[in-house]
Amino acid sequence: MAGETEGPMGIILWLIIGGVIGWLASIIMRTDAQQGIFLNIVVGIVGAFIGGLILSGGSINNQPLNITSFLVSLLGAVILLAIVNLVRRGSVR
């Protein structure tokens, strides 16, 4: 039986989750009004991927979404957003 995160619907699901994570990260970093939804989605997806890689020791696995993976993804997105802000404006916030 195929997992729920495989195929086109899985990609759409991860894009939506990445967008939500990016949006939450932008609210935490107080940059929500300064950037568009596209940057929120990109930061959410990339930050979640980086956070997941760090937590799993560098391996890519297809684990179901749970509160721990969501929080790690959010932390990764917040860190990535801080780095993006530092590069763009010279300050973390």
PDB file of N, CA and C in Angstrom:
ATOM      1  N   MET A   1       0.833  -1.172   0.000  1.00  0.00           N
ATOM      2  CA  MET A   1       0.000   0.000   0.000  1.00  0.00           C
ATOM      3  C   MET A   1       0.883   1.243   0.000  1.00  0.00           C
ATOM      4  N   ALA A   2       0.568   2.184  -0.858  1.00  0.00           N
ATOM      5  CA  ALA A   2       1.375   3.392  -0.995  1.00  0.00           C
ATOM      6  C   ALA A   2       1.159   4.306   0.201  1.00  0.00           C
ATOM      7  N   GLY A   3       2.223   5.004   0.589  1.00  0.00           N
ATOM      8  CA  GLY A   3       2.122   5.948   1.696  1.00  0.00           C
ATOM      9  C   GLY A   3       1.339   7.179   1.296  1.00  0.00           C
ATOM     10  N   GLU A   4       0.889   7.904   2.281  1.00  0.00           N
ATOM     11  CA  GLU A   4       0.060   9.065   2.001  1.00  0.00           C
ATOM     12  C   GLU A   4       0.849  10.253   1.471  1.00  0.00           C
ATOM     13  N   THR A   5       2.178  10.199   1.500  1.00  0.00           N
ATOM     14  CA  THR A   5       2.983  11.317   1.027  1.00  0.00           C
ATOM     15  C   THR A   5       3.655  11.003  -0.298  1.00  0.00           C
ATOM     16  N   GLU A   6       3.114  10.069  -1.068  1.00  0.00           N
ATOM     17  CA  GLU A   6       3.680   9.729  -2.358  1.00  0.00           C
ATOM     18  C   GLU A   6       2.777  10.248  -3.461  1.00  0.00           C
ATOM     19  N   GLY A   7       3.363  10.515  -4.624  1.00  0.00           N
ATOM     20  CA  GLY A   7       2.590  10.929  -5.778  1.00  0.00           C
ATOM     21  C   GLY A   7       2.241  12.402  -5.760  1.00  0.00           C
ATOM     22  N   PRO A   8       1.435  12.819  -6.742  1.00  0.00           N
ATOM     23  CA  PRO A   8       1.082  14.238  -6.870  1.00  0.00           C
ATOM     24  C   PRO A   8       0.345  14.805  -5.656  1.00  0.00           C
ATOM     25  N   MET A   9      -0.538  14.021  -5.058  1.00  0.00           N
ATOM     26  CA  MET A   9      -1.256  14.521  -3.882  1.00  0.00           C
ATOM     27  C   MET A   9      -0.311  14.720  -2.703  1.00  0.00           C
ATOM     28  N   GLY A  10       0.691  13.866  -2.586  1.00  0.00           N
ATOM     29  CA  GLY A  10       1.683  14.025  -1.531  1.00  0.00           C
ATOM     30  C   GLY A  10       2.493  15.292  -1.710  1.00  0.00           C
ATOM     31  N   ILE A  11       2.833  15.605  -2.956  1.00  0.00           N
ATOM     32  CA  ILE A  11       3.589  16.827  -3.243  1.00  0.00           C
ATOM     33  C   ILE A  11       2.746  18.047  -2.889  1.00  0.00           C
ATOM     34  N   ILE A  12       1.484  18.019  -3.271  1.00  0.00           N
ATOM     35  CA  ILE A  12       0.590  19.135  -2.944  1.00  0.00           C
ATOM     36  C   ILE A  12       0.453  19.282  -1.432  1.00  0.00           C
ATOM     37  N   LEU A  13       0.320  18.160  -0.735  1.00  0.00           N
ATOM     38  CA  LEU A  13       0.219  18.189   0.727  1.00  0.00           C
ATOM     39  C   LEU A  13       1.466  18.809   1.349  1.00  0.00           C
ATOM     40  N   TRP A  14       2.644  18.405   0.880  1.00  0.00           N
ATOM     41  CA  TRP A  14       3.882  18.954   1.433  1.00  0.00           C
ATOM     42  C   TRP A  14       4.039  20.433   1.103  1.00  0.00           C
ATOM     43  N   LEU A  15       3.561  20.876  -0.077  1.00  0.00           N
ATOM     44  CA  LEU A  15       3.601  22.301  -0.408  1.00  0.00           C
ATOM     45  C   LEU A  15       2.696  23.097   0.534  1.00  0.00           C
ATOM     46  N   ILE A  16       1.522  22.565   0.811  1.00  0.00           N
ATOM     47  CA  ILE A  16       0.600  23.248   1.731  1.00  0.00           C
ATOM     48  C   ILE A  16       1.186  23.300   3.139  1.00  0.00           C
ATOM     49  N   ILE A  17       1.704  22.179   3.610  1.00  0.00           N
ATOM     50  CA  ILE A  17       2.313  22.141   4.945  1.00  0.00           C
ATOM     51  C   ILE A  17       3.525  23.069   5.000  1.00  0.00           C
ATOM     52  N   GLY A  18       4.341  23.055   3.947  1.00  0.00           N
ATOM     53  CA  GLY A  18       5.492  23.959   3.889  1.00  0.00           C
ATOM     54  C   GLY A  18       5.071  25.414   3.919  1.00  0.00           C
ATOM     55  N   GLY A  19       3.981  25.732   3.217  1.00  0.00           N
ATOM     56  CA  GLY A  19       3.469  27.099   3.237  1.00  0.00           C
ATOM     57  C   GLY A  19       3.004  27.517   4.614  1.00  0.00           C
ATOM     58  N   VAL A  20       2.307  26.623   5.301  1.00  0.00           N
ATOM     59  CA  VAL A  20       1.839  26.917   6.665  1.00  0.00           C
ATOM     60  C   VAL A  20       3.029  27.090   7.606  1.00  0.00           C
ATOM     61  N   ILE A  21       4.010  26.207   7.493  1.00  0.00           N
ATOM     62  CA  ILE A  21       5.203  26.306   8.342  1.00  0.00           C
ATOM     63  C   ILE A  21       5.950  27.604   8.056  1.00  0.00           C
ATOM     64  N   GLY A  22       6.099  27.954   6.782  1.00  0.00           N
ATOM     65  CA  GLY A  22       6.759  29.211   6.424  1.00  0.00           C
ATOM     66  C   GLY A  22       6.002  30.422   6.934  1.00  0.00           C
ATOM     67  N   TRP A  23       4.672  30.369   6.839  1.00  0.00           N
ATOM     68  CA  TRP A  23       3.847  31.463   7.330  1.00  0.00           C
ATOM     69  C   TRP A  23       3.994  31.615   8.841  1.00  0.00           C
ATOM     70  N   LEU A  24       3.944  30.496   9.573  1.00  0.00           N
ATOM     71  CA  LEU A  24       4.127  30.544  11.026  1.00  0.00           C
ATOM     72  C   LEU A  24       5.516  31.063  11.392  1.00  0.00           C
ATOM     73  N   ALA A  25       6.530  30.630  10.643  1.00  0.00           N
ATOM     74  CA  ALA A  25       7.893  31.111  10.901  1.00  0.00           C
ATOM     75  C   ALA A  25       7.983  32.613  10.668  1.00  0.00           C
ATOM     76  N   SER A  26       7.311  33.115   9.625  1.00  0.00           N
ATOM     77  CA  SER A  26       7.357  34.552   9.355  1.00  0.00           C
ATOM     78  C   SER A  26       6.620  35.346  10.435  1.00  0.00           C
ATOM     79  N   ILE A  27       5.584  34.764  11.023  1.00  0.00           N
ATOM     80  CA  ILE A  27       4.895  35.424  12.141  1.00  0.00           C
ATOM     81  C   ILE A  27       5.800  35.447  13.371  1.00  0.00           C
ATOM     82  N   ILE A  28       6.465  34.337  13.645  1.00  0.00           N
ATOM     83  CA  ILE A  28       7.384  34.266  14.786  1.00  0.00           C
ATOM     84  C   ILE A  28       8.508  35.284  14.631  1.00  0.00           C
ATOM     85  N   MET A  29       9.031  35.422  13.409  1.00  0.00           N
ATOM     86  CA  MET A  29      10.139  36.344  13.154  1.00  0.00           C
ATOM     87  C   MET A  29       9.657  37.770  12.867  1.00  0.00           C
ATOM     88  N   ARG A  30       8.343  37.978  12.876  1.00  0.00           N
ATOM     89  CA  ARG A  30       7.731  39.290  12.622  1.00  0.00           C
ATOM     90  C   ARG A  30       8.109  39.857  11.255  1.00  0.00           C
ATOM     91  N   THR A  31       8.120  39.004  10.247  1.00  0.00           N
ATOM     92  CA  THR A  31       8.411  39.453   8.885  1.00  0.00           C
ATOM     93  C   THR A  31       7.251  39.145   7.947  1.00  0.00           C
ATOM     94  N   ASP A  32       6.099  38.780   8.484  1.00  0.00           N
ATOM     95  CA  ASP A  32       4.974  38.345   7.662  1.00  0.00           C
ATOM     96  C   ASP A  32       4.518  39.423   6.687  1.00  0.00           C
ATOM     97  N   ALA A  33       4.460  40.673   7.117  1.00  0.00           N
ATOM     98  CA  ALA A  33       3.979  41.749   6.255  1.00  0.00           C
ATOM     99  C   ALA A  33       5.031  42.210   5.252  1.00  0.00           C
ATOM    100  N   GLN A  34       6.275  41.805   5.415  1.00  0.00           N
ATOM    101  CA  GLN A  34       7.365  42.292   4.583  1.00  0.00           C
ATOM    102  C   GLN A  34       7.695  41.379   3.414  1.00  0.00           C
ATOM    103  N   GLN A  35       7.102  40.217   3.351  1.00  0.00           N
ATOM    104  CA  GLN A  35       7.434  39.276   2.290  1.00  0.00           C
ATOM    105  C   GLN A  35       6.158  38.632   1.784  1.00  0.00           C
ATOM    106  N   GLY A  36       6.252  38.062   0.601  1.00  0.00           N
ATOM    107  CA  GLY A  36       5.076  37.458  -0.004  1.00  0.00           C
ATOM    108  C   GLY A  36       4.898  36.001   0.368  1.00  0.00           C
ATOM    109  N   ILE A  37       3.789  35.449  -0.093  1.00  0.00           N
ATOM    110  CA  ILE A  37       3.471  34.058   0.202  1.00  0.00           C
ATOM    111  C   ILE A  37       4.475  33.109  -0.443  1.00  0.00           C
ATOM    112  N   PHE A  38       5.020  33.492  -1.603  1.00  0.00           N
ATOM    113  CA  PHE A  38       5.985  32.621  -2.273  1.00  0.00           C
ATOM    114  C   PHE A  38       7.220  32.411  -1.409  1.00  0.00           C
ATOM    115  N   LEU A  39       7.758  33.489  -0.837  1.00  0.00           N
ATOM    116  CA  LEU A  39       8.932  33.347   0.029  1.00  0.00           C
ATOM    117  C   LEU A  39       8.580  32.556   1.282  1.00  0.00           C
ATOM    118  N   ASN A  40       7.373  32.735   1.806  1.00  0.00           N
ATOM    119  CA  ASN A  40       6.936  31.931   2.956  1.00  0.00           C
ATOM    120  C   ASN A  40       6.960  30.448   2.626  1.00  0.00           C
ATOM    121  N   ILE A  41       6.431  30.087   1.459  1.00  0.00           N
ATOM    122  CA  ILE A  41       6.394  28.680   1.058  1.00  0.00           C
ATOM    123  C   ILE A  41       7.798  28.136   0.873  1.00  0.00           C
ATOM    124  N   VAL A  42       8.646  28.892   0.181  1.00  0.00           N
ATOM    125  CA  VAL A  42      10.019  28.434  -0.064  1.00  0.00           C
ATOM    126  C   VAL A  42      10.776  28.263   1.247  1.00  0.00           C
ATOM    127  N   VAL A  43      10.688  29.257   2.128  1.00  0.00           N
ATOM    128  CA  VAL A  43      11.372  29.170   3.417  1.00  0.00           C
ATOM    129  C   VAL A  43      10.821  28.003   4.232  1.00  0.00           C
ATOM    130  N   GLY A  44       9.519  27.802   4.202  1.00  0.00           N
ATOM    131  CA  GLY A  44       8.920  26.690   4.940  1.00  0.00           C
ATOM    132  C   GLY A  44       9.383  25.340   4.439  1.00  0.00           C
ATOM    133  N   ILE A  45       9.382  25.155   3.126  1.00  0.00           N
ATOM    134  CA  ILE A  45       9.783  23.869   2.557  1.00  0.00           C
ATOM    135  C   ILE A  45      11.265  23.617   2.768  1.00  0.00           C
ATOM    136  N   VAL A  46      12.095  24.599   2.427  1.00  0.00           N
ATOM    137  CA  VAL A  46      13.547  24.416   2.564  1.00  0.00           C
ATOM    138  C   VAL A  46      13.938  24.297   4.033  1.00  0.00           C
ATOM    139  N   GLY A  47      13.365  25.130   4.889  1.00  0.00           N
ATOM    140  CA  GLY A  47      13.666  25.051   6.318  1.00  0.00           C
ATOM    141  C   GLY A  47      13.231  23.732   6.924  1.00  0.00           C
ATOM    142  N   ALA A  48      12.064  23.250   6.507  1.00  0.00           N
ATOM    143  CA  ALA A  48      11.590  21.954   6.996  1.00  0.00           C
ATOM    144  C   ALA A  48      12.511  20.833   6.533  1.00  0.00           C
ATOM    145  N   PHE A  49      12.954  20.910   5.296  1.00  0.00           N
ATOM    146  CA  PHE A  49      13.863  19.899   4.758  1.00  0.00           C
ATOM    147  C   PHE A  49      15.184  19.902   5.528  1.00  0.00           C
ATOM    148  N   ILE A  50      15.739  21.088   5.741  1.00  0.00           N
ATOM    149  CA  ILE A  50      17.006  21.195   6.470  1.00  0.00           C
ATOM    150  C   ILE A  50      16.834  20.726   7.915  1.00  0.00           C
ATOM    151  N   GLY A  51      15.753  21.145   8.569  1.00  0.00           N
ATOM    152  CA  GLY A  51      15.491  20.702   9.941  1.00  0.00           C
ATOM    153  C   GLY A  51      15.340  19.196  10.026  1.00  0.00           C
ATOM    154  N   GLY A  52      14.639  18.613   9.056  1.00  0.00           N
ATOM    155  CA  GLY A  52      14.476  17.162   9.017  1.00  0.00           C
ATOM    156  C   GLY A  52      15.779  16.428   8.790  1.00  0.00           C
ATOM    157  N   LEU A  53      16.630  16.981   7.916  1.00  0.00           N
ATOM    158  CA  LEU A  53      17.940  16.365   7.680  1.00  0.00           C
ATOM    159  C   LEU A  53      18.795  16.387   8.938  1.00  0.00           C
ATOM    160  N   ILE A  54      18.780  17.501   9.634  1.00  0.00           N
ATOM    161  CA  ILE A  54      19.581  17.612  10.855  1.00  0.00           C
ATOM    162  C   ILE A  54      19.075  16.643  11.919  1.00  0.00           C
ATOM    163  N   LEU A  55      17.753  16.574  12.099  1.00  0.00           N
ATOM    164  CA  LEU A  55      17.188  15.692  13.118  1.00  0.00           C
ATOM    165  C   LEU A  55      17.429  14.219  12.802  1.00  0.00           C
ATOM    166  N   SER A  56      17.367  13.854  11.519  1.00  0.00           N
ATOM    167  CA  SER A  56      17.514  12.442  11.148  1.00  0.00           C
ATOM    168  C   SER A  56      18.963  12.049  10.902  1.00  0.00           C
ATOM    169  N   GLY A  57      19.899  12.933  11.165  1.00  0.00           N
ATOM    170  CA  GLY A  57      21.310  12.602  10.979  1.00  0.00           C
ATOM    171  C   GLY A  57      21.742  12.581   9.527  1.00  0.00           C
ATOM    172  N   GLY A  58      21.052  13.305   8.670  1.00  0.00           N
ATOM    173  CA  GLY A  58      21.440  13.423   7.274  1.00  0.00           C
ATOM    174  C   GLY A  58      20.770  12.449   6.330  1.00  0.00           C
ATOM    175  N   SER A  59      19.889  11.600   6.839  1.00  0.00           N
ATOM    176  CA  SER A  59      19.201  10.664   5.947  1.00  0.00           C
ATOM    177  C   SER A  59      17.815  11.198   5.608  1.00  0.00           C
ATOM    178  N   ILE A  60      17.374  10.875   4.405  1.00  0.00           N
ATOM    179  CA  ILE A  60      16.043  11.276   3.968  1.00  0.00           C
ATOM    180  C   ILE A  60      15.132  10.080   4.133  1.00  0.00           C
ATOM    181  N   ASN A  61      14.083  10.249   4.915  1.00  0.00           N
ATOM    182  CA  ASN A  61      13.138   9.153   5.099  1.00  0.00           C
ATOM    183  C   ASN A  61      11.721   9.674   4.940  1.00  0.00           C
ATOM    184  N   ASN A  62      10.801   8.786   4.760  1.00  0.00           N
ATOM    185  CA  ASN A  62       9.413   9.141   4.496  1.00  0.00           C
ATOM    186  C   ASN A  62       8.573   8.884   5.744  1.00  0.00           C
ATOM    187  N   GLN A  63       8.842   9.641   6.780  1.00  0.00           N
ATOM    188  CA  GLN A  63       8.127   9.477   8.042  1.00  0.00           C
ATOM    189  C   GLN A  63       6.803  10.234   7.994  1.00  0.00           C
ATOM    190  N   PRO A  64       5.793   9.743   8.674  1.00  0.00           N
ATOM    191  CA  PRO A  64       4.526  10.482   8.723  1.00  0.00           C
ATOM    192  C   PRO A  64       4.690  11.772   9.523  1.00  0.00           C
ATOM    193  N   LEU A  65       3.847  12.725   9.233  1.00  0.00           N
ATOM    194  CA  LEU A  65       3.897  14.000   9.932  1.00  0.00           C
ATOM    195  C   LEU A  65       3.333  13.826  11.340  1.00  0.00           C
ATOM    196  N   ASN A  66       4.112  14.241  12.322  1.00  0.00           N
ATOM    197  CA  ASN A  66       3.657  14.238  13.708  1.00  0.00           C
ATOM    198  C   ASN A  66       4.098  15.548  14.342  1.00  0.00           C
ATOM    199  N   ILE A  67       3.781  15.754  15.590  1.00  0.00           N
ATOM    200  CA  ILE A  67       4.073  17.031  16.237  1.00  0.00           C
ATOM    201  C   ILE A  67       5.575  17.295  16.315  1.00  0.00           C
ATOM    202  N   THR A  68       6.368  16.259  16.524  1.00  0.00           N
ATOM    203  CA  THR A  68       7.819  16.437  16.597  1.00  0.00           C
ATOM    204  C   THR A  68       8.378  16.890  15.261  1.00  0.00           C
ATOM    205  N   SER A  69       7.980  16.228  14.185  1.00  0.00           N
ATOM    206  CA  SER A  69       8.494  16.616  12.870  1.00  0.00           C
ATOM    207  C   SER A  69       7.990  18.001  12.486  1.00  0.00           C
ATOM    208  N   PHE A  70       6.771  18.348  12.882  1.00  0.00           N
ATOM    209  CA  PHE A  70       6.246  19.682  12.607  1.00  0.00           C
ATOM    210  C   PHE A  70       7.060  20.742  13.339  1.00  0.00           C
ATOM    211  N   LEU A  71       7.365  20.506  14.615  1.00  0.00           N
ATOM    212  CA  LEU A  71       8.145  21.475  15.394  1.00  0.00           C
ATOM    213  C   LEU A  71       9.570  21.605  14.875  1.00  0.00           C
ATOM    214  N   VAL A  72      10.178  20.484  14.478  1.00  0.00           N
ATOM    215  CA  VAL A  72      11.524  20.534  13.902  1.00  0.00           C
ATOM    216  C   VAL A  72      11.495  21.302  12.586  1.00  0.00           C
ATOM    217  N   SER A  73      10.471  21.067  11.777  1.00  0.00           N
ATOM    218  CA  SER A  73      10.329  21.791  10.519  1.00  0.00           C
ATOM    219  C   SER A  73      10.149  23.281  10.768  1.00  0.00           C
ATOM    220  N   LEU A  74       9.346  23.627  11.760  1.00  0.00           N
ATOM    221  CA  LEU A  74       9.136  25.031  12.104  1.00  0.00           C
ATOM    222  C   LEU A  74      10.434  25.669  12.588  1.00  0.00           C
ATOM    223  N   LEU A  75      11.180  24.964  13.413  1.00  0.00           N
ATOM    224  CA  LEU A  75      12.468  25.476  13.886  1.00  0.00           C
ATOM    225  C   LEU A  75      13.430  25.684  12.719  1.00  0.00           C
ATOM    226  N   GLY A  76      13.484  24.727  11.812  1.00  0.00           N
ATOM    227  CA  GLY A  76      14.334  24.870  10.628  1.00  0.00           C
ATOM    228  C   GLY A  76      13.931  26.069   9.792  1.00  0.00           C
ATOM    229  N   ALA A  77      12.626  26.300   9.636  1.00  0.00           N
ATOM    230  CA  ALA A  77      12.144  27.438   8.860  1.00  0.00           C
ATOM    231  C   ALA A  77      12.466  28.758   9.553  1.00  0.00           C
ATOM    232  N   VAL A  78      12.339  28.814  10.877  1.00  0.00           N
ATOM    233  CA  VAL A  78      12.670  30.036  11.621  1.00  0.00           C
ATOM    234  C   VAL A  78      14.155  30.351  11.479  1.00  0.00           C
ATOM    235  N   ILE A  79      14.999  29.347  11.604  1.00  0.00           N
ATOM    236  CA  ILE A  79      16.447  29.554  11.461  1.00  0.00           C
ATOM    237  C   ILE A  79      16.780  30.014  10.049  1.00  0.00           C
ATOM    238  N   LEU A  80      16.180  29.365   9.047  1.00  0.00           N
ATOM    239  CA  LEU A  80      16.436  29.766   7.668  1.00  0.00           C
ATOM    240  C   LEU A  80      15.937  31.181   7.409  1.00  0.00           C
ATOM    241  N   LEU A  81      14.787  31.536   7.943  1.00  0.00           N
ATOM    242  CA  LEU A  81      14.265  32.886   7.770  1.00  0.00           C
ATOM    243  C   LEU A  81      15.176  33.918   8.432  1.00  0.00           C
ATOM    244  N   ALA A  82      15.742  33.597   9.584  1.00  0.00           N
ATOM    245  CA  ALA A  82      16.695  34.498  10.238  1.00  0.00           C
ATOM    246  C   ALA A  82      17.922  34.700   9.359  1.00  0.00           C
ATOM    247  N   ILE A  83      18.394  33.630   8.732  1.00  0.00           N
ATOM    248  CA  ILE A  83      19.551  33.731   7.835  1.00  0.00           C
ATOM    249  C   ILE A  83      19.205  34.575   6.611  1.00  0.00           C
ATOM    250  N   VAL A  84      18.021  34.347   6.032  1.00  0.00           N
ATOM    251  CA  VAL A  84      17.585  35.135   4.870  1.00  0.00           C
ATOM    252  C   VAL A  84      17.495  36.608   5.239  1.00  0.00           C
ATOM    253  N   ASN A  85      16.928  36.919   6.398  1.00  0.00           N
ATOM    254  CA  ASN A  85      16.827  38.309   6.840  1.00  0.00           C
ATOM    255  C   ASN A  85      18.199  38.920   7.071  1.00  0.00           C
ATOM    256  N   LEU A  86      19.111  38.151   7.609  1.00  0.00           N
ATOM    257  CA  LEU A  86      20.464  38.644   7.850  1.00  0.00           C
ATOM    258  C   LEU A  86      21.149  38.999   6.538  1.00  0.00           C
ATOM    259  N   VAL A  87      20.979  38.164   5.532  1.00  0.00           N
ATOM    260  CA  VAL A  87      21.596  38.415   4.227  1.00  0.00           C
ATOM    261  C   VAL A  87      20.921  39.593   3.524  1.00  0.00           C
ATOM    262  N   ARG A  88      19.601  39.667   3.589  1.00  0.00           N
ATOM    263  CA  ARG A  88      18.863  40.714   2.872  1.00  0.00           C
ATOM    264  C   ARG A  88      18.990  42.086   3.514  1.00  0.00           C
ATOM    265  N   ARG A  89      18.955  42.156   4.836  1.00  0.00           N
ATOM    266  CA  ARG A  89      18.918  43.455   5.503  1.00  0.00           C
ATOM    267  C   ARG A  89      20.055  43.707   6.467  1.00  0.00           C
ATOM    268  N   GLY A  90      20.856  42.726   6.729  1.00  0.00           N
ATOM    269  CA  GLY A  90      21.938  42.904   7.673  1.00  0.00           C
ATOM    270  C   GLY A  90      21.515  42.752   9.121  1.00  0.00           C
ATOM    271  N   SER A  91      20.253  42.339   9.356  1.00  0.00           N
ATOM    272  CA  SER A  91      19.798  42.086  10.722  1.00  0.00           C
ATOM    273  C   SER A  91      18.911  40.851  10.721  1.00  0.00           C
ATOM    274  N   VAL A  92      18.869  40.167  11.856  1.00  0.00           N
ATOM    275  CA  VAL A  92      18.084  38.945  11.953  1.00  0.00           C
ATOM    276  C   VAL A  92      16.600  39.253  11.862  1.00  0.00           C
ATOM    277  N   ARG A  93      16.160  40.337  12.433  1.00  0.00           N
ATOM    278  CA  ARG A  93      14.743  40.695  12.424  1.00  0.00           C
ATOM    279  C   ARG A  93      14.432  41.834  11.554  1.00  0.00           C
TER     280      ARG A  93
END
